[in-house]
Structures are given as structure tokens and as C-alpha cells.
N, C-alpha and C. Protein backbone atom coordinates (compact mmCIF):
# COMPACT_ATOMS: atom_id res chain seq x y z
N MET A 1 -36.24 -36.32 -22.69
CA MET A 1 -36.04 -35.71 -21.39
C MET A 1 -37.40 -35.63 -20.69
N LYS A 2 -37.42 -35.98 -19.46
CA LYS A 2 -38.65 -35.98 -18.68
C LYS A 2 -39.02 -34.56 -18.29
N ALA A 3 -40.28 -34.34 -18.01
CA ALA A 3 -40.76 -33.02 -17.60
C ALA A 3 -40.10 -32.58 -16.30
N ARG A 4 -39.81 -33.54 -15.44
CA ARG A 4 -39.17 -33.23 -14.18
C ARG A 4 -37.77 -32.65 -14.40
N HIS A 5 -37.03 -33.20 -15.35
CA HIS A 5 -35.68 -32.71 -15.65
C HIS A 5 -35.74 -31.34 -16.31
N LYS A 6 -36.76 -31.11 -17.13
CA LYS A 6 -36.91 -29.79 -17.77
C LYS A 6 -37.18 -28.72 -16.71
N ARG A 7 -38.07 -29.03 -15.77
CA ARG A 7 -38.37 -28.08 -14.69
C ARG A 7 -37.11 -27.80 -13.87
N LEU A 8 -36.35 -28.83 -13.57
CA LEU A 8 -35.11 -28.65 -12.82
C LEU A 8 -34.12 -27.79 -13.60
N GLY A 9 -34.03 -27.99 -14.90
CA GLY A 9 -33.15 -27.18 -15.74
C GLY A 9 -33.56 -25.72 -15.75
N PHE A 10 -34.89 -25.47 -15.89
CA PHE A 10 -35.38 -24.10 -15.85
C PHE A 10 -35.13 -23.45 -14.48
N LEU A 11 -35.30 -24.22 -13.42
CA LEU A 11 -35.07 -23.70 -12.08
C LEU A 11 -33.60 -23.33 -11.88
N VAL A 12 -32.70 -24.18 -12.32
CA VAL A 12 -31.26 -23.90 -12.20
C VAL A 12 -30.90 -22.67 -13.04
N ALA A 13 -31.39 -22.61 -14.27
CA ALA A 13 -31.10 -21.47 -15.14
C ALA A 13 -31.69 -20.19 -14.56
N GLY A 14 -32.88 -20.25 -13.99
CA GLY A 14 -33.50 -19.08 -13.37
C GLY A 14 -32.72 -18.60 -12.16
N LEU A 15 -32.29 -19.53 -11.33
CA LEU A 15 -31.48 -19.15 -10.16
C LEU A 15 -30.14 -18.56 -10.57
N ALA A 16 -29.53 -19.10 -11.61
CA ALA A 16 -28.25 -18.56 -12.09
C ALA A 16 -28.46 -17.14 -12.64
N GLY A 17 -29.54 -16.94 -13.38
CA GLY A 17 -29.85 -15.60 -13.91
C GLY A 17 -30.14 -14.61 -12.79
N LEU A 18 -30.88 -15.05 -11.79
CA LEU A 18 -31.18 -14.19 -10.64
C LEU A 18 -29.91 -13.84 -9.86
N GLY A 19 -29.04 -14.82 -9.69
CA GLY A 19 -27.76 -14.56 -9.01
C GLY A 19 -26.90 -13.58 -9.78
N LEU A 20 -26.85 -13.72 -11.10
CA LEU A 20 -26.08 -12.79 -11.93
C LEU A 20 -26.65 -11.38 -11.84
N ALA A 21 -27.98 -11.26 -11.90
CA ALA A 21 -28.62 -9.95 -11.81
C ALA A 21 -28.34 -9.30 -10.45
N ALA A 22 -28.40 -10.08 -9.38
CA ALA A 22 -28.12 -9.55 -8.04
C ALA A 22 -26.67 -9.10 -7.94
N TRP A 23 -25.75 -9.89 -8.47
CA TRP A 23 -24.32 -9.52 -8.43
C TRP A 23 -24.09 -8.22 -9.20
N LEU A 24 -24.68 -8.08 -10.38
CA LEU A 24 -24.53 -6.85 -11.16
C LEU A 24 -25.12 -5.65 -10.43
N LEU A 25 -26.26 -5.82 -9.80
CA LEU A 25 -26.89 -4.74 -9.05
C LEU A 25 -26.02 -4.29 -7.88
N PHE A 26 -25.56 -5.23 -7.08
CA PHE A 26 -24.72 -4.87 -5.93
C PHE A 26 -23.39 -4.28 -6.36
N ASN A 27 -22.83 -4.75 -7.43
CA ASN A 27 -21.58 -4.21 -7.95
C ASN A 27 -21.78 -2.76 -8.39
N ALA A 28 -22.88 -2.46 -9.08
CA ALA A 28 -23.17 -1.10 -9.53
C ALA A 28 -23.42 -0.17 -8.34
N LEU A 29 -24.14 -0.65 -7.34
CA LEU A 29 -24.42 0.18 -6.16
C LEU A 29 -23.16 0.46 -5.36
N ASP A 30 -22.27 -0.51 -5.26
CA ASP A 30 -21.04 -0.33 -4.49
C ASP A 30 -20.17 0.77 -5.08
N SER A 31 -20.14 0.88 -6.40
CA SER A 31 -19.30 1.90 -7.01
C SER A 31 -19.87 3.30 -6.82
N ASN A 32 -21.15 3.42 -6.43
CA ASN A 32 -21.76 4.72 -6.22
C ASN A 32 -21.80 5.13 -4.75
N LEU A 33 -21.41 4.25 -3.85
CA LEU A 33 -21.42 4.58 -2.43
C LEU A 33 -20.26 5.51 -2.08
N SER A 34 -20.52 6.43 -1.19
CA SER A 34 -19.50 7.36 -0.76
C SER A 34 -19.52 7.40 0.77
N TYR A 35 -18.53 6.78 1.39
CA TYR A 35 -18.47 6.69 2.85
C TYR A 35 -17.85 7.94 3.45
N PHE A 36 -18.17 8.21 4.72
CA PHE A 36 -17.67 9.38 5.44
C PHE A 36 -16.50 8.98 6.34
N PHE A 37 -15.45 9.81 6.32
CA PHE A 37 -14.29 9.60 7.20
C PHE A 37 -13.88 10.93 7.79
N SER A 38 -13.43 10.90 9.04
CA SER A 38 -12.91 12.09 9.70
C SER A 38 -11.41 12.20 9.39
N PRO A 39 -10.80 13.36 9.61
CA PRO A 39 -9.36 13.49 9.41
C PRO A 39 -8.54 12.49 10.23
N THR A 40 -9.00 12.15 11.43
CA THR A 40 -8.29 11.16 12.24
C THR A 40 -8.32 9.80 11.58
N GLU A 41 -9.48 9.40 11.05
CA GLU A 41 -9.58 8.11 10.38
C GLU A 41 -8.74 8.08 9.11
N VAL A 42 -8.66 9.19 8.39
CA VAL A 42 -7.83 9.25 7.19
C VAL A 42 -6.35 9.16 7.58
N ALA A 43 -5.96 9.86 8.65
CA ALA A 43 -4.58 9.81 9.12
C ALA A 43 -4.19 8.41 9.58
N GLN A 44 -5.16 7.64 10.08
CA GLN A 44 -4.91 6.27 10.52
C GLN A 44 -5.03 5.27 9.37
N SER A 45 -5.17 5.75 8.15
CA SER A 45 -5.28 4.93 6.94
C SER A 45 -6.50 4.01 6.95
N LYS A 46 -7.58 4.46 7.56
CA LYS A 46 -8.82 3.70 7.54
C LYS A 46 -9.64 3.99 6.28
N ALA A 47 -9.33 5.06 5.58
CA ALA A 47 -10.06 5.44 4.36
C ALA A 47 -9.47 4.67 3.18
N PRO A 48 -10.31 4.34 2.19
CA PRO A 48 -9.81 3.59 1.02
C PRO A 48 -8.93 4.46 0.14
N ASP A 49 -7.91 3.85 -0.44
CA ASP A 49 -7.01 4.59 -1.32
C ASP A 49 -7.57 4.80 -2.71
N ASP A 50 -8.38 3.86 -3.18
CA ASP A 50 -8.82 3.87 -4.57
C ASP A 50 -10.32 4.10 -4.72
N HIS A 51 -10.95 4.72 -3.74
CA HIS A 51 -12.40 4.91 -3.78
C HIS A 51 -12.74 6.34 -3.38
N VAL A 52 -13.81 6.87 -3.94
CA VAL A 52 -14.29 8.20 -3.55
C VAL A 52 -14.92 8.11 -2.17
N TYR A 53 -14.61 9.06 -1.30
CA TYR A 53 -15.22 9.12 0.02
C TYR A 53 -15.37 10.57 0.44
N ARG A 54 -16.05 10.77 1.55
CA ARG A 54 -16.28 12.11 2.07
C ARG A 54 -15.40 12.35 3.28
N LEU A 55 -14.77 13.51 3.30
CA LEU A 55 -13.92 13.95 4.41
C LEU A 55 -14.62 15.11 5.08
N GLY A 56 -14.86 15.00 6.38
CA GLY A 56 -15.60 16.06 7.06
C GLY A 56 -14.91 16.54 8.30
N GLY A 57 -15.13 17.79 8.63
CA GLY A 57 -14.57 18.41 9.82
C GLY A 57 -14.74 19.91 9.73
N MET A 58 -13.83 20.62 10.36
CA MET A 58 -13.85 22.07 10.35
C MET A 58 -12.72 22.58 9.46
N VAL A 59 -12.95 23.70 8.78
CA VAL A 59 -11.89 24.32 8.00
C VAL A 59 -10.94 24.97 8.99
N ALA A 60 -9.68 24.55 8.97
CA ALA A 60 -8.69 25.04 9.93
C ALA A 60 -8.44 26.53 9.73
N ALA A 61 -8.35 27.25 10.83
CA ALA A 61 -8.11 28.68 10.78
C ALA A 61 -6.74 28.97 10.16
N GLY A 62 -6.69 29.93 9.25
CA GLY A 62 -5.45 30.33 8.61
C GLY A 62 -4.98 29.41 7.50
N SER A 63 -5.79 28.44 7.11
CA SER A 63 -5.35 27.47 6.11
C SER A 63 -5.85 27.76 4.70
N LEU A 64 -6.76 28.69 4.54
CA LEU A 64 -7.36 28.96 3.23
C LEU A 64 -6.40 29.72 2.33
N GLU A 65 -6.07 29.09 1.19
CA GLU A 65 -5.19 29.71 0.20
C GLU A 65 -5.86 29.66 -1.17
N ARG A 66 -6.04 30.81 -1.77
CA ARG A 66 -6.62 30.85 -3.11
C ARG A 66 -5.49 30.89 -4.11
N GLY A 67 -5.54 29.95 -5.07
CA GLY A 67 -4.49 29.86 -6.08
C GLY A 67 -4.92 30.49 -7.39
N LYS A 68 -4.28 30.07 -8.44
CA LYS A 68 -4.62 30.56 -9.76
C LYS A 68 -5.99 30.05 -10.16
N GLU A 69 -6.70 30.88 -10.88
CA GLU A 69 -8.02 30.53 -11.40
C GLU A 69 -8.95 30.15 -10.25
N LEU A 70 -9.52 28.96 -10.25
CA LEU A 70 -10.50 28.57 -9.24
C LEU A 70 -9.96 27.55 -8.25
N THR A 71 -8.65 27.35 -8.21
CA THR A 71 -8.06 26.36 -7.30
C THR A 71 -7.93 26.96 -5.90
N VAL A 72 -8.44 26.21 -4.93
CA VAL A 72 -8.40 26.64 -3.53
C VAL A 72 -7.79 25.51 -2.71
N ARG A 73 -6.93 25.86 -1.78
CA ARG A 73 -6.34 24.88 -0.87
C ARG A 73 -6.72 25.29 0.55
N PHE A 74 -7.08 24.30 1.34
CA PHE A 74 -7.42 24.53 2.73
C PHE A 74 -7.19 23.24 3.50
N ALA A 75 -7.30 23.31 4.81
CA ALA A 75 -7.10 22.13 5.65
C ALA A 75 -8.39 21.84 6.41
N VAL A 76 -8.71 20.55 6.52
CA VAL A 76 -9.88 20.10 7.29
C VAL A 76 -9.35 19.43 8.55
N THR A 77 -9.91 19.82 9.69
CA THR A 77 -9.44 19.29 10.96
C THR A 77 -10.60 18.82 11.81
N ASP A 78 -10.33 17.85 12.67
CA ASP A 78 -11.28 17.46 13.71
C ASP A 78 -10.66 17.75 15.07
N TYR A 79 -9.66 18.62 15.09
CA TYR A 79 -8.91 19.08 16.25
C TYR A 79 -7.96 18.02 16.80
N ALA A 80 -7.94 16.85 16.19
CA ALA A 80 -6.95 15.84 16.56
C ALA A 80 -5.96 15.66 15.42
N ASN A 81 -6.45 15.68 14.18
CA ASN A 81 -5.62 15.56 12.99
C ASN A 81 -6.11 16.53 11.93
N THR A 82 -5.24 16.84 10.99
CA THR A 82 -5.56 17.79 9.92
C THR A 82 -5.17 17.18 8.58
N ILE A 83 -6.04 17.33 7.59
CA ILE A 83 -5.79 16.84 6.24
C ILE A 83 -5.88 18.02 5.28
N ASN A 84 -4.86 18.18 4.43
CA ASN A 84 -4.88 19.23 3.41
C ASN A 84 -5.78 18.83 2.26
N VAL A 85 -6.52 19.82 1.73
CA VAL A 85 -7.49 19.59 0.67
C VAL A 85 -7.22 20.57 -0.45
N ALA A 86 -7.35 20.10 -1.70
CA ALA A 86 -7.29 20.97 -2.87
C ALA A 86 -8.60 20.82 -3.61
N TYR A 87 -9.18 21.94 -4.03
CA TYR A 87 -10.46 21.93 -4.73
C TYR A 87 -10.40 22.95 -5.86
N THR A 88 -10.84 22.54 -7.02
CA THR A 88 -10.93 23.45 -8.16
C THR A 88 -12.40 23.62 -8.49
N GLY A 89 -12.90 24.81 -8.29
CA GLY A 89 -14.31 25.09 -8.54
C GLY A 89 -14.76 26.26 -7.69
N ILE A 90 -16.04 26.51 -7.73
CA ILE A 90 -16.62 27.61 -6.96
C ILE A 90 -17.06 27.07 -5.61
N LEU A 91 -16.57 27.69 -4.56
CA LEU A 91 -16.91 27.27 -3.20
C LEU A 91 -18.31 27.76 -2.82
N PRO A 92 -18.99 27.05 -1.92
CA PRO A 92 -20.29 27.52 -1.45
C PRO A 92 -20.16 28.88 -0.76
N ASP A 93 -21.23 29.66 -0.78
CA ASP A 93 -21.21 30.99 -0.17
C ASP A 93 -20.89 30.96 1.32
N LEU A 94 -21.30 29.92 2.01
CA LEU A 94 -21.10 29.83 3.46
C LEU A 94 -19.77 29.22 3.84
N PHE A 95 -18.92 28.92 2.87
CA PHE A 95 -17.61 28.34 3.15
C PHE A 95 -16.72 29.41 3.79
N ALA A 96 -16.13 29.09 4.94
CA ALA A 96 -15.23 30.02 5.62
C ALA A 96 -14.37 29.23 6.60
N GLU A 97 -13.27 29.85 7.02
CA GLU A 97 -12.43 29.23 8.04
C GLU A 97 -13.21 29.14 9.35
N GLY A 98 -13.01 28.03 10.05
CA GLY A 98 -13.71 27.82 11.31
C GLY A 98 -15.12 27.29 11.14
N GLN A 99 -15.55 27.02 9.91
CA GLN A 99 -16.89 26.49 9.65
C GLN A 99 -16.82 25.01 9.33
N GLY A 100 -17.91 24.30 9.52
CA GLY A 100 -18.00 22.89 9.18
C GLY A 100 -18.02 22.70 7.67
N VAL A 101 -17.39 21.61 7.21
CA VAL A 101 -17.30 21.35 5.77
C VAL A 101 -17.25 19.85 5.53
N ILE A 102 -17.79 19.43 4.41
CA ILE A 102 -17.64 18.06 3.93
C ILE A 102 -17.13 18.15 2.51
N ALA A 103 -16.01 17.49 2.23
CA ALA A 103 -15.42 17.46 0.89
C ALA A 103 -15.49 16.03 0.38
N GLN A 104 -15.95 15.88 -0.85
CA GLN A 104 -16.02 14.54 -1.46
C GLN A 104 -14.97 14.43 -2.55
N GLY A 105 -14.20 13.36 -2.52
CA GLY A 105 -13.15 13.16 -3.51
C GLY A 105 -12.28 11.97 -3.15
N ARG A 106 -11.00 12.05 -3.56
CA ARG A 106 -10.02 10.97 -3.32
C ARG A 106 -8.73 11.56 -2.78
N MET A 107 -7.98 10.71 -2.12
CA MET A 107 -6.66 11.11 -1.65
C MET A 107 -5.69 11.04 -2.81
N GLY A 108 -4.95 12.11 -3.03
CA GLY A 108 -3.97 12.16 -4.11
C GLY A 108 -2.69 11.45 -3.71
N PRO A 109 -1.82 11.19 -4.68
CA PRO A 109 -0.56 10.49 -4.39
C PRO A 109 0.38 11.29 -3.48
N ASP A 110 0.20 12.62 -3.44
CA ASP A 110 1.06 13.46 -2.62
C ASP A 110 0.52 13.67 -1.21
N GLY A 111 -0.55 12.96 -0.84
CA GLY A 111 -1.12 13.08 0.49
C GLY A 111 -2.10 14.22 0.64
N VAL A 112 -2.46 14.88 -0.46
CA VAL A 112 -3.45 15.96 -0.44
C VAL A 112 -4.77 15.39 -0.95
N PHE A 113 -5.84 15.65 -0.22
CA PHE A 113 -7.16 15.19 -0.62
C PHE A 113 -7.64 16.05 -1.79
N ILE A 114 -7.95 15.44 -2.92
CA ILE A 114 -8.43 16.15 -4.11
C ILE A 114 -9.95 16.08 -4.10
N ALA A 115 -10.59 17.20 -3.81
CA ALA A 115 -12.05 17.25 -3.69
C ALA A 115 -12.70 17.52 -5.04
N ASP A 116 -13.78 16.79 -5.30
CA ASP A 116 -14.62 17.03 -6.48
C ASP A 116 -15.80 17.91 -6.12
N GLU A 117 -16.17 17.89 -4.85
CA GLU A 117 -17.33 18.63 -4.37
C GLU A 117 -17.07 19.08 -2.94
N VAL A 118 -17.49 20.31 -2.61
CA VAL A 118 -17.34 20.83 -1.26
C VAL A 118 -18.70 21.32 -0.79
N LEU A 119 -19.11 20.85 0.38
CA LEU A 119 -20.38 21.25 0.98
C LEU A 119 -20.09 21.98 2.29
N ALA A 120 -20.77 23.11 2.50
CA ALA A 120 -20.61 23.87 3.74
C ALA A 120 -21.90 23.80 4.52
N LYS A 121 -21.80 23.96 5.83
CA LYS A 121 -23.02 23.92 6.64
C LYS A 121 -23.90 25.12 6.30
N HIS A 122 -25.20 24.97 6.48
CA HIS A 122 -26.11 26.01 5.99
C HIS A 122 -26.46 27.09 6.99
N ASP A 123 -26.19 26.92 8.26
CA ASP A 123 -26.34 28.01 9.22
C ASP A 123 -25.45 27.75 10.42
N GLU A 124 -25.45 28.67 11.38
CA GLU A 124 -24.51 28.57 12.48
C GLU A 124 -24.86 27.48 13.48
N ASN A 125 -26.08 26.93 13.42
CA ASN A 125 -26.49 25.91 14.39
C ASN A 125 -26.37 24.50 13.85
N TYR A 126 -26.18 24.33 12.57
CA TYR A 126 -26.23 22.99 11.98
C TYR A 126 -24.83 22.47 11.69
N MET A 127 -24.62 21.21 12.00
CA MET A 127 -23.41 20.50 11.60
C MET A 127 -23.85 19.09 11.23
N PRO A 128 -23.39 18.57 10.10
CA PRO A 128 -23.78 17.21 9.74
C PRO A 128 -23.48 16.25 10.88
N PRO A 129 -24.39 15.31 11.16
CA PRO A 129 -24.20 14.41 12.30
C PRO A 129 -22.88 13.66 12.27
N GLU A 130 -22.43 13.25 11.07
CA GLU A 130 -21.17 12.52 10.97
C GLU A 130 -20.00 13.37 11.43
N VAL A 131 -20.02 14.66 11.05
CA VAL A 131 -18.94 15.57 11.43
C VAL A 131 -18.97 15.81 12.94
N ALA A 132 -20.16 16.06 13.48
CA ALA A 132 -20.29 16.31 14.92
C ALA A 132 -19.81 15.10 15.72
N ASP A 133 -20.21 13.90 15.31
CA ASP A 133 -19.79 12.69 16.03
C ASP A 133 -18.28 12.48 15.95
N ALA A 134 -17.70 12.67 14.76
CA ALA A 134 -16.26 12.47 14.59
C ALA A 134 -15.47 13.49 15.41
N MET A 135 -15.94 14.74 15.44
CA MET A 135 -15.22 15.77 16.19
C MET A 135 -15.35 15.53 17.70
N ALA A 136 -16.52 15.09 18.14
CA ALA A 136 -16.70 14.80 19.56
C ALA A 136 -15.80 13.64 19.99
N LYS A 137 -15.71 12.63 19.15
CA LYS A 137 -14.84 11.49 19.45
C LYS A 137 -13.38 11.90 19.48
N ALA A 138 -12.97 12.75 18.53
CA ALA A 138 -11.57 13.20 18.49
C ALA A 138 -11.25 14.05 19.71
N GLN A 139 -12.18 14.93 20.11
CA GLN A 139 -11.93 15.76 21.29
C GLN A 139 -11.87 14.91 22.56
N THR A 140 -12.72 13.90 22.66
CA THR A 140 -12.70 13.01 23.82
C THR A 140 -11.39 12.24 23.89
N ASP A 141 -10.94 11.73 22.74
CA ASP A 141 -9.70 10.96 22.70
C ASP A 141 -8.49 11.81 23.06
N THR A 142 -8.46 13.07 22.60
CA THR A 142 -7.29 13.93 22.91
C THR A 142 -7.34 14.45 24.34
N SER A 143 -8.54 14.67 24.88
CA SER A 143 -8.63 15.19 26.26
C SER A 143 -8.34 14.10 27.29
N THR A 144 -8.63 12.85 26.97
CA THR A 144 -8.36 11.76 27.91
C THR A 144 -7.00 11.16 27.71
N GLY A 145 -6.32 11.57 26.65
CA GLY A 145 -4.98 11.05 26.39
C GLY A 145 -4.98 9.68 25.77
N VAL A 146 -6.11 9.25 25.27
CA VAL A 146 -6.18 7.93 24.63
C VAL A 146 -5.54 7.99 23.27
N ALA A 147 -4.63 7.10 23.01
CA ALA A 147 -3.96 7.06 21.71
C ALA A 147 -4.79 6.24 20.76
N ASN A 148 -4.95 6.73 19.53
CA ASN A 148 -5.71 5.99 18.52
C ASN A 148 -4.83 5.05 17.77
């Protein structure tokens, strides 16, 4: 075998190894990504069924129900649509009805979002940018009568 063919073989093997490493890296990173969706986007089935994502909005007034043990049920709204959420765990101290919230989890088979983690806004002036943008868009769409 000529030296030229050996170099070509090493180059092909190196490129194949590099491609495999890149594919493994991107595959691992994709499984750790958590995208944000508003209740309107979830209601329109834009959220993935089999992937963890974040649901953000306001905790709907009168929706907080404390169940047995640490299970809590509440609704997240962007004032255009509302999604029911179930969470088992200790809620943040600032969690309350009418406050901004982001819940991370998956949609259950019964249409209830099963949260693994719940984050509440840290003071009265702060709202995560994704939540503020989604709520502003939902309010604009409902006030102008635009159907989504």
C-alpha cells in the first residue's frame, strides 16, 4: 500500500470518528434541552408530547388545590388559555395565586401537566422574559380578536 493511500485511509477514519463524536455530543445535548411554551402554545399542540419542557404563565386565581401529602394542583394561564398542573413536592415560598410561575415537566396522558420542578418569580417586579412575552402576545391576540 502506498503512503498516499495510508494517509487517505487515516483521513477517512478520522473524519468518521469526528462525525460519530459530533453526533453523540449533539444527541446528548438534545436530551438535556428544555424548551419554553406558553399555555396557548400547549393548547395548540405546539409542545412536544414525549419531551420535558417548561410551561410558564400566571397561577390562575382560585385554582390552587392542596391534596394528600405534598401533591398540589393548580392552573397556569396566559389569560388566553389555561393548563392544569399537578406537582408533588415543596413549592417555593413565593408561589401564590396571581403570581408568575414556570413549571418544568411533561404533559400527562390525561391532559394534566405533570411538573417535576416549579419556579416562582422572586419579587413583585420580575417576570421571566419568556413568560412576559407569551402573556403579552396572548393578550394582544385576544384583544384584537385574532384567532390562533
